[in-house]
Amino acid sequence: MTNKTNNNLLKIRNLRLHFQTHGGTVQAVDGIDFDLPTNQATVVIGESGCGKSSLAKAILRLLPRNVGEYDGEVWLKSQNIMDYSDEKFRKEVRWKRISMVPQAAMNALNPVMRIGDQVAEPAMIHLGMNKKDALARALQMFEQVGVPADFLHRYAFELSGGMRQRAALAMSLVTSPDLVILDEPTSALDVLTQANIMNLMKKVKKELKTSFILITHDIATSSELADNVAVMYAGQIVEVSDARRFFSNPLHPYSQKLMASVPRLRETVEPDFITGQPPSLLNPPTGCRFADRCAARFNMCDEEPPTFIREGNRKVKCWLHK
């Protein structure tokens, strides 16, 4: 089965990933829809616990044992990779066409393996390279991401946080994937290192034509890389927009509150905050999931969950825009 509209690198439709727990079913990813154009970066933002990392796991099929429901469509160019068997997905998609830089790079690196061997390993497994050629490929990626060549023979504990993050990025790029998913890549780094990593990813996107999904709660940092923005709340995407218009004029009340919480260097307006707590994903509201925290709430918000409403080429799940 092929997709007739293949202008996008990635198309996600009604993607669900629910977890079965002793307390009930956690709707971590619940009906996600968004597109990722080729050679662009989509930033997924939202509060902690909204399902951002679970979305990354759902795309890469990195599933825990307690999966209760996992379905939907994930189109990679012209193929719905959700139809692939686990073995075919492992051989043809994971790390070969879609790779990932996980949260906390130190935890992703084996402390008893040399960095060069770890970066070379995906090329050996997924591209069938011998070790000599794979190490040469790893060295090329080190040069691309700004890691000195002699670091090829070092261990993870000998690298700074920024260098470990660069090594993890090199490992994700060594197979020349179409898409790299970055899960909070700068969360444990100082401000200067964060800026360097974001500049590095812009360079990689331009030179290697790589697409990115950047998962973060750091709105200010994400604006450096974003071409598009997807706002996630309580397991759902509530707004999708191009970055330029989103950062100047967000549509969803939740998005507006997120932007109002960001400190401004050249304005005297103090940062705002969002009252209340996100709903439990064990038993989310039947209407709009943001209704309890929204100042613009009205009857429709409690009665029916909003569907995507288009505002030009932007879309938002909010009855205010109907």
Protein backbone atom coordinates (compact mmCIF):
# COMPACT_ATOMS: atom_id res chain seq x y z
CA MET A 1 0.00 0.00 0.00
CA THR A 2 1.39 3.42 -0.95
CA ASN A 3 0.48 6.92 -0.02
CA LYS A 4 -0.63 9.12 -2.93
CA THR A 5 0.57 12.34 -1.32
CA ASN A 6 4.28 11.95 -0.62
CA ASN A 7 5.48 15.58 -0.51
CA ASN A 8 6.35 15.12 3.17
CA LEU A 9 9.12 12.98 4.56
CA LEU A 10 6.88 11.90 7.44
CA LYS A 11 3.10 11.84 7.80
CA ILE A 12 1.54 10.70 11.07
CA ARG A 13 -2.17 9.96 11.25
CA ASN A 14 -4.18 8.98 14.35
CA LEU A 15 -1.14 7.49 16.09
CA ARG A 16 -1.95 5.96 19.48
CA LEU A 17 0.28 4.48 22.15
CA HIS A 18 -1.48 3.53 25.40
CA PHE A 19 0.16 1.80 28.34
CA GLN A 20 -1.52 -0.74 30.60
CA THR A 21 -0.83 -0.13 34.31
CA HIS A 22 -2.23 -1.35 37.62
CA GLY A 23 -4.20 1.89 37.84
CA GLY A 24 -5.68 1.63 34.34
CA THR A 25 -4.80 2.63 30.77
CA VAL A 26 -2.46 5.60 30.33
CA GLN A 27 -3.27 7.43 27.06
CA ALA A 28 0.27 8.71 26.53
CA VAL A 29 -0.09 9.25 22.76
CA ASP A 30 -3.72 9.61 21.75
CA GLY A 31 -4.58 10.31 18.13
CA ILE A 32 -1.55 12.26 16.93
CA ASP A 33 -1.61 13.94 13.48
CA PHE A 34 1.18 16.00 11.94
CA ASP A 35 3.45 16.20 8.89
CA LEU A 36 7.19 16.73 8.59
CA PRO A 37 8.44 18.19 5.27
CA THR A 38 11.75 17.01 3.84
CA ASN A 39 14.87 18.79 5.17
CA GLN A 40 12.96 20.67 7.86
CA ALA A 41 12.84 20.62 11.63
CA THR A 42 9.60 20.21 13.55
CA VAL A 43 9.80 21.10 17.23
CA VAL A 44 7.39 19.31 19.58
CA ILE A 45 6.90 21.38 22.73
CA GLY A 46 4.82 20.95 25.87
CA GLU A 47 4.98 20.43 29.61
CA SER A 48 6.69 17.44 31.20
CA GLY A 49 4.45 14.38 31.14
CA CYS A 50 2.44 15.42 28.07
CA GLY A 51 3.63 12.43 26.01
CA LYS A 52 6.50 13.92 23.96
CA SER A 53 9.02 11.15 24.67
CA SER A 54 6.30 8.51 24.23
CA LEU A 55 5.64 9.99 20.77
CA ALA A 56 9.31 9.44 19.88
CA LYS A 57 9.10 5.84 21.09
CA ALA A 58 5.92 5.31 19.08
CA ILE A 59 7.55 6.56 15.86
CA LEU A 60 10.66 4.40 16.37
CA ARG A 61 8.68 1.46 17.78
CA LEU A 62 10.75 1.38 20.97
CA LEU A 63 7.96 -0.10 23.04
CA PRO A 64 7.89 -1.31 26.64
CA ARG A 65 6.19 -4.55 27.61
CA ASN A 66 3.04 -2.95 29.01
CA VAL A 67 1.67 -1.63 25.71
CA GLY A 68 -2.13 -1.65 25.79
CA GLU A 69 -2.84 -0.10 22.38
CA TYR A 70 -0.51 0.80 19.53
CA ASP A 71 -1.95 1.70 16.14
CA GLY A 72 -2.35 4.43 13.53
CA GLU A 73 -0.36 5.36 10.43
CA VAL A 74 3.24 6.51 10.13
CA TRP A 75 4.11 7.24 6.51
CA LEU A 76 7.82 7.47 5.72
CA LYS A 77 7.78 8.95 2.22
CA SER A 78 5.51 6.52 0.33
CA GLN A 79 5.36 3.64 2.81
CA ASN A 80 3.22 3.15 5.91
CA ILE A 81 5.89 1.69 8.17
CA MET A 82 3.26 0.69 10.75
CA ASP A 83 2.50 -2.21 8.35
CA TYR A 84 6.07 -3.50 8.65
CA SER A 85 6.84 -6.56 10.76
CA ASP A 86 9.13 -5.97 13.74
CA GLU A 87 12.02 -7.63 11.90
CA LYS A 88 11.53 -5.58 8.72
CA PHE A 89 11.20 -2.40 10.78
CA ARG A 90 14.44 -3.19 12.61
CA LYS A 91 16.36 -3.90 9.40
CA GLU A 92 14.98 -1.20 7.12
CA VAL A 93 13.83 1.69 9.32
CA ARG A 94 15.20 1.94 12.83
CA TRP A 95 18.56 3.73 12.77
CA LYS A 96 18.91 3.19 9.01
CA ARG A 97 16.25 5.72 7.99
CA ILE A 98 15.10 7.10 11.37
CA SER A 99 17.57 7.44 14.24
CA MET A 100 17.42 9.05 17.66
CA VAL A 101 19.47 11.04 20.12
CA PRO A 102 17.96 10.01 23.47
CA GLN A 103 17.55 12.16 26.54
CA ALA A 104 20.74 12.21 28.69
CA ALA A 105 23.47 11.22 26.24
CA MET A 106 25.67 9.77 29.00
CA ASN A 107 23.04 7.10 29.63
CA ALA A 108 23.04 6.20 25.93
CA LEU A 109 26.80 5.58 25.78
CA ASN A 110 28.39 2.36 27.01
CA PRO A 111 31.00 3.30 29.65
CA VAL A 112 33.26 0.30 28.81
CA MET A 113 33.32 0.81 25.02
CA ARG A 114 35.42 3.37 23.20
CA ILE A 115 33.38 6.17 21.67
CA GLY A 116 34.58 5.37 18.16
CA ASP A 117 33.40 1.77 18.40
CA GLN A 118 29.98 2.89 19.57
CA VAL A 119 29.56 5.43 16.78
CA ALA A 120 30.77 2.87 14.20
CA GLU A 121 28.49 0.07 15.44
CA PRO A 122 25.25 1.22 13.68
CA ALA A 123 27.15 1.41 10.35
CA MET A 124 28.39 -2.17 10.85
CA ILE A 125 24.95 -3.51 11.81
CA HIS A 126 22.66 -1.57 9.48
CA LEU A 127 24.92 -0.81 6.50
CA GLY A 128 26.98 -4.02 6.57
CA MET A 129 30.32 -2.19 6.76
CA ASN A 130 33.44 -3.89 8.07
CA LYS A 131 34.96 -2.40 11.20
CA LYS A 132 37.71 -0.49 9.38
CA ASP A 133 35.28 1.25 7.01
CA ALA A 134 32.78 1.86 9.82
CA LEU A 135 35.46 3.56 11.94
CA ALA A 136 36.41 5.70 8.96
CA ARG A 137 32.75 6.64 8.60
CA ALA A 138 32.58 7.42 12.32
CA LEU A 139 35.61 9.70 11.94
CA GLN A 140 33.81 11.57 9.14
CA MET A 141 30.82 12.10 11.44
CA PHE A 142 33.14 13.29 14.22
CA GLU A 143 34.50 15.93 11.86
CA GLN A 144 30.95 16.88 10.85
CA VAL A 145 29.82 17.47 14.44
CA GLY A 146 33.05 19.03 15.70
CA VAL A 147 34.54 16.20 17.78
CA PRO A 148 38.37 15.93 17.62
CA ALA A 149 39.66 12.82 15.82
CA ASP A 150 41.58 11.54 18.85
CA PHE A 151 38.28 11.24 20.77
CA LEU A 152 37.62 8.14 18.64
CA HIS A 153 39.70 6.17 21.15
CA ARG A 154 38.32 7.70 24.34
CA TYR A 155 35.60 6.50 26.69
CA ALA A 156 32.37 8.34 27.50
CA PHE A 157 33.50 9.34 31.00
CA GLU A 158 36.47 11.17 29.48
CA LEU A 159 34.21 13.54 27.53
CA SER A 160 32.42 16.66 28.70
CA GLY A 161 28.62 16.84 28.55
CA GLY A 162 28.71 18.82 25.31
CA MET A 163 31.15 16.40 23.67
CA ARG A 164 29.05 13.41 24.74
CA GLN A 165 26.05 15.06 23.15
CA ARG A 166 28.02 15.61 19.94
CA ALA A 167 29.15 11.96 20.00
CA ALA A 168 25.53 10.83 20.39
CA LEU A 169 24.57 13.04 17.43
CA ALA A 170 27.42 11.55 15.38
CA MET A 171 26.13 8.06 16.23
CA SER A 172 22.63 9.02 15.05
CA LEU A 173 24.03 10.38 11.74
CA VAL A 174 26.50 7.62 10.88
CA THR A 175 23.97 5.70 8.74
CA SER A 176 22.86 8.89 6.89
CA PRO A 177 19.22 8.62 8.02
CA ASP A 178 16.42 10.71 6.54
CA LEU A 179 15.19 11.73 9.99
CA VAL A 180 16.77 12.19 13.43
CA ILE A 181 14.59 12.44 16.53
CA LEU A 182 16.19 14.49 19.32
CA ASP A 183 14.72 14.03 22.79
CA GLU A 184 15.65 16.98 25.03
CA PRO A 185 19.18 17.16 23.55
CA THR A 186 20.23 20.23 25.55
CA SER A 187 18.42 19.73 28.87
CA ALA A 188 21.52 18.91 30.96
CA LEU A 189 23.89 21.41 29.32
CA ASP A 190 24.94 24.94 30.20
CA VAL A 191 23.59 27.85 28.15
CA LEU A 192 26.71 28.29 25.99
CA THR A 193 26.88 24.57 25.18
CA GLN A 194 23.16 24.58 24.37
CA ALA A 195 23.73 27.35 21.83
CA ASN A 196 26.67 25.45 20.30
CA ILE A 197 24.60 22.25 19.96
CA MET A 198 21.71 24.11 18.32
CA ASN A 199 24.09 25.80 15.86
CA LEU A 200 25.60 22.39 15.13
CA MET A 201 22.18 20.91 14.32
CA LYS A 202 21.40 23.83 11.99
CA LYS A 203 24.70 23.13 10.22
CA VAL A 204 23.90 19.41 9.90
CA LYS A 205 20.41 20.16 8.57
CA LYS A 206 21.85 22.45 5.91
CA GLU A 207 24.85 20.37 4.86
CA LEU A 208 23.51 16.80 5.16
CA LYS A 209 19.87 17.63 4.25
CA THR A 210 18.72 15.84 7.41
CA SER A 211 15.23 16.36 8.86
CA PHE A 212 14.73 16.66 12.61
CA ILE A 213 12.01 16.19 15.19
CA LEU A 214 13.17 18.10 18.26
CA ILE A 215 11.33 17.19 21.46
CA THR A 216 11.76 19.79 24.18
CA HIS A 217 10.12 21.97 26.80
CA ASP A 218 12.73 24.71 26.20
CA ILE A 219 10.82 27.07 23.92
CA ALA A 220 13.57 29.69 23.67
CA THR A 221 16.24 27.20 22.59
CA SER A 222 13.93 25.36 20.17
CA SER A 223 13.20 28.55 18.25
CA GLU A 224 16.78 28.47 16.92
CA LEU A 225 16.16 25.27 14.92
CA ALA A 226 12.41 25.18 14.29
CA ASP A 227 10.84 25.41 10.85
CA ASN A 228 7.53 24.16 12.24
CA VAL A 229 6.07 23.79 15.73
CA ALA A 230 3.72 21.12 17.09
CA VAL A 231 2.30 21.81 20.56
CA MET A 232 1.48 18.73 22.63
CA TYR A 233 -0.85 18.66 25.61
CA ALA A 234 -2.17 15.66 27.58
CA GLY A 235 -1.23 13.12 24.91
CA GLN A 236 -2.53 15.12 21.93
CA ILE A 237 -1.22 17.64 19.41
CA VAL A 238 -3.30 20.80 19.89
CA GLU A 239 -1.62 23.15 17.41
CA VAL A 240 0.60 22.83 14.33
CA SER A 241 2.10 25.94 12.74
CA ASP A 242 5.09 27.30 10.89
CA ALA A 243 7.60 28.59 13.41
CA ARG A 244 7.63 32.24 12.31
CA ARG A 245 3.92 32.76 12.88
CA PHE A 246 3.74 30.51 15.93
CA PHE A 247 6.35 32.40 17.93
CA SER A 248 4.76 35.76 17.10
CA ASN A 249 1.08 34.71 17.24
CA PRO A 250 0.21 31.31 18.77
CA LEU A 251 -3.42 30.28 18.27
CA HIS A 252 -4.30 27.81 21.04
CA PRO A 253 -4.86 29.22 24.57
CA TYR A 254 -2.34 26.68 25.88
CA SER A 255 0.23 27.77 23.29
CA GLN A 256 -0.37 31.40 24.25
CA LYS A 257 0.28 30.58 27.90
CA LEU A 258 3.46 28.69 27.01
CA MET A 259 4.78 31.65 25.06
CA ALA A 260 3.80 34.04 27.85
CA SER A 261 5.91 31.99 30.28
CA VAL A 262 9.14 32.67 28.35
CA PRO A 263 11.28 35.52 29.81
CA ARG A 264 11.91 38.40 27.35
CA LEU A 265 15.20 40.24 27.17
CA ARG A 266 13.88 43.44 25.60
CA GLU A 267 10.46 43.72 27.24
CA THR A 268 9.37 44.74 30.72
CA VAL A 269 6.44 42.28 30.82
CA GLU A 270 6.97 39.66 33.50
CA PRO A 271 6.61 35.97 32.56
CA ASP A 272 3.13 34.51 33.11
CA PHE A 273 2.30 31.03 34.36
CA ILE A 274 -0.39 28.41 33.76
CA THR A 275 -2.65 27.77 36.73
CA GLY A 276 -3.68 24.24 37.69
CA GLN A 277 -2.31 20.87 36.63
CA PRO A 278 -2.54 18.84 33.41
CA PRO A 279 -5.29 16.19 33.52
CA SER A 280 -4.51 12.58 34.37
CA LEU A 281 -3.85 10.51 31.26
CA LEU A 282 -5.54 7.60 33.04
CA ASN A 283 -8.90 9.35 32.78
CA PRO A 284 -8.68 12.50 30.59
CA PRO A 285 -11.72 14.80 30.20
CA THR A 286 -14.31 13.94 27.57
CA GLY A 287 -14.21 17.47 26.10
CA CYS A 288 -11.21 19.72 25.61
CA ARG A 289 -8.33 18.47 27.74
CA PHE A 290 -7.16 22.02 28.48
CA ALA A 291 -10.61 23.28 29.53
CA ASP A 292 -10.00 23.22 33.31
CA ARG A 293 -7.04 25.59 32.94
CA CYS A 294 -8.41 27.80 30.18
CA ALA A 295 -9.72 31.32 30.84
CA ALA A 296 -11.75 31.22 27.60
CA ARG A 297 -13.68 28.06 28.51
CA PHE A 298 -17.34 27.81 27.49
CA ASN A 299 -20.02 25.08 27.28
CA MET A 300 -18.79 23.43 24.07
CA CYS A 301 -15.37 22.82 25.66
CA ASP A 302 -16.91 20.43 28.20
CA GLU A 303 -19.30 18.70 25.81
CA GLU A 304 -17.17 17.64 22.85
CA PRO A 305 -13.44 17.18 22.14
CA PRO A 306 -12.32 19.75 19.54
CA THR A 307 -11.08 18.59 16.15
CA PHE A 308 -8.43 20.35 14.08
CA ILE A 309 -9.67 23.66 12.68
CA ARG A 310 -7.61 25.21 9.89
CA GLU A 311 -6.40 28.80 9.98
CA GLY A 312 -4.78 29.09 6.56
CA ASN A 313 -2.06 26.42 6.51
CA ARG A 314 -2.01 26.31 10.32
CA LYS A 315 -4.31 24.12 12.39
CA VAL A 316 -5.52 24.21 15.97
CA LYS A 317 -7.74 22.09 18.22
CA CYS A 318 -9.84 24.80 19.85
CA TRP A 319 -13.56 25.65 19.57
CA LEU A 320 -12.69 29.36 19.72
CA HIS A 321 -11.50 29.09 16.09
CA LYS A 322 -14.55 27.29 14.73
